[in-house]
Protein backbone atom coordinates (compact mmCIF):
# COMPACT_ATOMS: atom_id res chain seq x y z
CA MET A 1 -0.71 28.04 90.49
CA LYS A 2 0.86 31.85 89.99
CA LYS A 3 -1.43 32.08 86.90
CA TRP A 4 -4.63 31.66 89.09
CA MET A 5 -3.46 33.94 91.59
CA LEU A 6 -2.61 37.10 88.71
CA LEU A 7 -5.76 35.90 87.17
CA LEU A 8 -7.88 36.61 90.59
CA SER A 9 -5.96 40.03 90.97
CA LEU A 10 -6.55 40.61 87.21
CA VAL A 11 -10.56 40.59 87.84
CA LEU A 12 -10.32 42.26 91.65
CA MET A 13 -8.69 45.05 89.60
CA ILE A 14 -11.59 45.46 87.34
CA VAL A 15 -14.07 45.21 89.97
CA ILE A 16 -12.92 48.34 92.26
CA VAL A 17 -12.39 49.96 88.82
CA ASN A 18 -15.69 49.46 88.14
CA CYS A 19 -17.34 49.78 91.44
CA GLY A 20 -15.07 53.62 91.78
CA GLN A 21 -17.07 54.68 87.74
CA ALA A 22 -20.37 53.49 89.49
CA GLN A 23 -20.33 55.46 92.51
CA ALA A 24 -18.87 58.44 90.23
CA ALA A 25 -21.98 58.21 88.24
CA GLU A 26 -23.91 57.84 91.32
CA LYS A 27 -22.55 61.25 92.73
CA THR A 28 -23.09 63.36 89.87
CA ALA A 29 -26.52 64.10 87.71
CA THR A 30 -26.37 65.40 83.82
CA LYS A 31 -29.40 68.32 84.84
CA ASP A 32 -28.10 71.24 83.94
CA ILE A 33 -28.85 73.75 87.06
CA THR A 34 -30.31 76.60 86.57
CA PHE A 35 -29.95 80.25 87.78
CA GLU A 36 -33.33 79.99 90.43
CA GLU A 37 -31.94 76.32 91.79
CA LEU A 38 -28.45 77.56 91.96
CA ASN A 39 -29.99 80.99 94.50
CA ASP A 40 -33.10 78.43 96.03
CA GLU A 41 -33.60 79.53 99.77
CA ASN A 42 -32.13 75.76 101.19
CA VAL A 43 -28.93 76.48 99.51
CA PHE A 44 -28.07 79.15 101.89
CA ILE A 45 -27.23 78.21 105.96
CA LYS A 46 -26.63 80.26 109.09
CA GLN A 47 -23.57 80.63 111.11
CA SER A 48 -24.47 77.64 114.28
CA ARG A 49 -22.78 80.27 116.55
CA ARG A 50 -20.38 83.22 116.86
CA GLY A 51 -16.87 83.26 115.28
CA THR A 52 -18.13 80.86 112.49
CA CYS A 53 -19.47 83.13 109.51
CA THR A 54 -15.96 81.70 107.99
CA LEU A 55 -17.30 78.37 107.71
CA ALA A 56 -20.65 78.79 107.14
CA SER A 57 -19.85 81.01 104.55
CA SER A 58 -17.52 78.74 103.00
CA ALA A 59 -20.39 75.65 103.26
CA MET A 60 -22.41 77.34 101.22
CA ILE A 61 -19.94 78.26 98.49
CA MET A 62 -18.92 74.86 98.35
CA ARG A 63 -22.69 73.75 98.02
CA ARG A 64 -23.10 75.79 94.73
CA ALA A 65 -19.89 74.10 93.10
CA ALA A 66 -21.67 70.85 94.12
CA MET A 67 -24.54 71.79 92.29
CA LEU A 68 -22.95 73.14 89.33
CA ALA A 69 -20.28 70.56 88.87
CA GLY A 70 -23.46 68.27 88.90
CA PHE A 71 -23.06 66.36 92.50
CA GLU A 72 -26.17 65.46 93.69
CA ASN A 73 -25.07 64.77 97.62
CA TRP A 74 -24.53 68.59 97.67
CA GLU A 75 -26.90 68.94 100.71
CA ASP A 76 -24.26 66.79 102.93
CA ILE A 77 -22.18 69.68 102.72
CA THR A 78 -23.14 71.60 105.95
CA GLU A 79 -21.23 74.51 108.63
CA SER A 80 -20.32 71.04 110.94
CA SER A 81 -19.42 68.44 107.92
CA VAL A 82 -17.15 71.05 106.64
CA GLY A 83 -15.76 71.82 110.25
CA SER A 84 -14.76 68.35 110.78
CA VAL A 85 -12.03 69.14 108.00
CA ALA A 86 -11.42 72.49 108.56
CA TRP A 87 -11.63 74.01 111.51
CA ARG A 88 -9.62 74.24 114.86
CA GLU A 89 -10.65 75.46 118.35
CA GLY A 90 -9.65 78.61 119.32
CA VAL A 91 -7.81 78.98 115.76
CA GLY A 92 -10.62 79.52 113.04
CA ILE A 93 -10.71 77.85 109.90
CA SER A 94 -7.71 76.38 107.87
CA TRP A 95 -6.44 78.47 105.26
CA THR A 96 -6.86 74.83 102.77
CA PHE A 97 -9.32 72.83 102.77
CA THR A 98 -11.18 69.68 100.70
CA TYR A 99 -14.49 68.04 101.64
CA ASP A 100 -16.72 65.52 99.69
CA GLY A 101 -14.60 66.24 96.69
CA VAL A 102 -14.80 70.11 96.92
CA ALA A 103 -11.06 71.52 97.38
CA MET A 104 -11.41 75.73 98.94
CA THR A 105 -7.88 77.60 99.17
CA HIS A 106 -7.58 81.44 100.21
CA ASP A 107 -6.05 84.76 99.04
CA TYR A 108 -5.43 88.52 99.49
CA VAL A 109 -7.03 90.99 97.50
CA SER A 110 -6.61 94.77 97.48
CA SER A 111 -9.60 96.26 96.02
CA VAL A 112 -13.57 95.41 94.67
CA GLU A 113 -11.90 95.22 91.30
CA ASP A 114 -10.16 91.94 92.84
CA LEU A 115 -13.69 90.67 93.87
CA LYS A 116 -14.73 91.27 90.76
CA LYS A 117 -12.30 89.64 88.49
CA LEU A 118 -12.61 86.16 90.92
CA LEU A 119 -16.49 86.54 90.51
CA GLU A 120 -15.90 86.35 86.82
CA GLU A 121 -13.95 83.12 87.37
CA HIS A 122 -15.92 81.25 89.44
CA PRO A 123 -19.74 80.89 89.28
CA GLU A 124 -20.44 79.25 92.38
CA GLY A 125 -18.69 82.92 94.24
CA ILE A 126 -16.62 83.18 96.59
CA VAL A 127 -16.01 83.60 100.63
CA ALA A 128 -15.28 87.59 100.91
CA TYR A 129 -13.44 88.16 104.52
CA ASP A 130 -13.15 92.04 106.41
CA SER A 131 -10.34 91.13 109.19
CA ASN A 132 -11.34 93.83 110.74
CA LYS A 133 -14.91 93.43 111.57
CA PRO A 134 -14.29 90.40 111.52
CA HIS A 135 -16.89 88.40 109.71
CA ALA A 136 -17.22 87.02 106.53
CA ILE A 137 -19.89 86.58 103.72
CA ALA A 138 -21.03 84.38 100.92
CA LEU A 139 -20.12 86.33 98.03
CA THR A 140 -22.24 84.38 95.14
CA ASP A 141 -22.31 86.96 91.85
CA TYR A 142 -21.89 90.52 90.19
CA ASP A 143 -24.27 92.43 88.20
CA ALA A 144 -22.45 94.31 85.65
CA GLU A 145 -25.47 95.96 84.21
CA THR A 146 -26.78 97.16 87.73
CA ASP A 147 -23.45 97.79 89.36
CA THR A 148 -24.72 95.61 91.85
CA PHE A 149 -22.78 92.72 94.09
CA TYR A 150 -24.72 90.06 95.56
CA CYS A 151 -24.09 87.91 98.33
CA SER A 152 -25.68 85.59 101.33
CA ASP A 153 -24.42 86.74 105.15
CA PRO A 154 -24.72 84.12 107.57
CA ALA A 155 -25.10 86.08 110.66
CA GLU A 156 -28.63 85.95 112.17
CA CYS A 157 -30.38 89.32 111.69
CA CYS A 158 -29.62 88.76 107.51
CA ALA A 159 -31.95 87.33 105.50
CA LYS A 160 -31.58 83.43 104.57
CA ALA A 161 -31.70 84.39 100.71
CA ARG A 162 -29.37 86.26 97.94
CA VAL A 163 -29.65 89.42 98.46
CA PRO A 164 -27.55 93.19 97.42
CA VAL A 165 -24.50 93.00 99.29
CA SER A 166 -26.00 96.70 100.68
CA GLU A 167 -28.11 94.35 103.08
CA ALA A 168 -24.47 92.45 104.68
CA ILE A 169 -23.02 93.40 107.38
CA ILE A 170 -19.61 94.25 105.95
CA SER A 171 -18.66 96.13 103.51
CA LEU A 172 -16.93 94.90 100.04
CA GLU A 173 -14.09 98.12 100.52
CA ASN A 174 -13.08 96.63 103.54
CA VAL A 175 -12.39 93.29 102.20
CA ASP A 176 -9.49 92.08 102.42
CA VAL A 177 -9.31 87.71 102.20
CA VAL A 178 -11.10 85.45 100.38
CA TRP A 179 -11.55 81.60 99.40
CA TYR A 180 -12.42 80.32 96.65
CA VAL A 181 -13.29 76.44 94.69
CA THR A 182 -9.75 75.07 93.35
CA SER A 183 -11.33 71.17 92.29
CA PRO A 184 -13.99 71.42 90.77
CA SER A 185 -12.43 73.80 88.70
CA ASN A 186 -13.89 75.84 85.29
CA LEU A 187 -17.37 75.25 86.45
CA SER A 188 -20.21 76.84 84.38
CA ALA A 189 -22.62 79.79 85.08
CA PRO A 190 -26.21 78.51 85.81
CA VAL A 191 -28.51 78.43 83.27
CA MET A 192 -31.72 80.62 82.79
CA ALA A 193 -34.97 78.33 83.37
CA ALA A 194 -37.66 78.46 79.88
CA ALA A 195 -39.74 80.64 81.19
CA GLU A 196 -36.56 83.31 81.65
CA ALA A 197 -34.99 82.09 78.18
CA ASN A 198 -38.94 82.82 76.37
CA GLU A 199 -39.17 85.95 77.72
CA ALA A 200 -35.47 87.12 76.96
CA GLU A 201 -35.91 86.04 73.53
CA GLU A 202 -39.26 87.85 73.40
CA ASN A 203 -37.81 90.90 74.46
CA THR A 204 -34.99 90.93 71.88
CA GLU A 205 -37.26 90.30 68.92
CA ALA A 206 -39.19 93.33 70.21
CA GLN A 207 -36.40 95.55 70.47
CA SER A 208 -35.31 94.96 66.80
CA VAL A 209 -38.90 96.14 65.53
CA ILE A 210 -38.05 99.77 65.53
CA PRO A 211 -40.45 101.66 63.26
CA GLU A 212 -38.23 103.54 60.77
CA ILE A 213 -38.80 107.34 59.83
CA GLU A 214 -38.66 108.57 56.87
CA THR A 215 -38.49 112.71 56.30
CA ALA A 216 -39.66 114.41 53.41
CA PRO A 217 -36.97 116.91 52.02
CA VAL A 218 -37.22 120.55 53.21
CA THR A 219 -35.97 123.07 50.26
CA SER A 220 -36.43 126.03 52.30
CA LEU A 221 -36.92 127.53 55.82
CA ASP A 222 -39.86 128.90 54.97
CA ASN A 223 -41.10 125.05 54.61
CA LEU A 224 -39.45 123.92 57.88
CA SER A 225 -42.69 124.07 59.81
CA HIS A 226 -44.59 122.13 56.84
CA THR A 227 -41.76 119.09 57.80
CA GLU A 228 -43.79 115.74 56.44
CA LEU A 229 -42.64 112.57 58.81
CA LYS A 230 -44.24 109.33 57.61
CA LEU A 231 -44.51 106.42 59.87
CA GLU A 232 -44.07 103.15 58.32
CA MET A 233 -44.05 100.02 61.17
CA ASN A 234 -42.35 96.44 59.71
């Protein structure tokens, strides 16, 4: 009898493990997320009422983290659903919380450089909060070439999209608190769409074809005006 009970327990354990693996497989996708998909208008949301900017911003960043991690149900992450675990009426958002496999925590910053470093570590973005305003935005990324930060501001007066931070209602110089994703971790940046990748490759090839200019030797200052230039294209 004991042997049968042990055998039955073993079978049940195997079934439970297999079910867990199947659910994990259903939750994740193998498709790489492109930059366009990560910044699609449908990824961003608006705060439902005054005072929930931190909650809406957190939901946007958690959505982006879920997408990069391959979670297929990222759209289930909303202000309301995150609020069920992270929001306390009369108090505000929690310092640390987890919803649907995505965990967030907070920290303090003292400069724009701190925000740049955090964005390097978090391709999904971070929540940037100005406690003096007070208001929070989803800070999505930083373009070093143009020295431009991008964000999505949950305020109704702002566009429901990824826009330059200059269009937000707070200034990054005044940001003093941030929230960021701790799990899933080590997320990879979104990939370029095929069309963009081809265009970038073509531009690189075009820049590599530089004409060589051969200058004939000048024997004296009198002959300077007669310098011969020969242009050779490879």
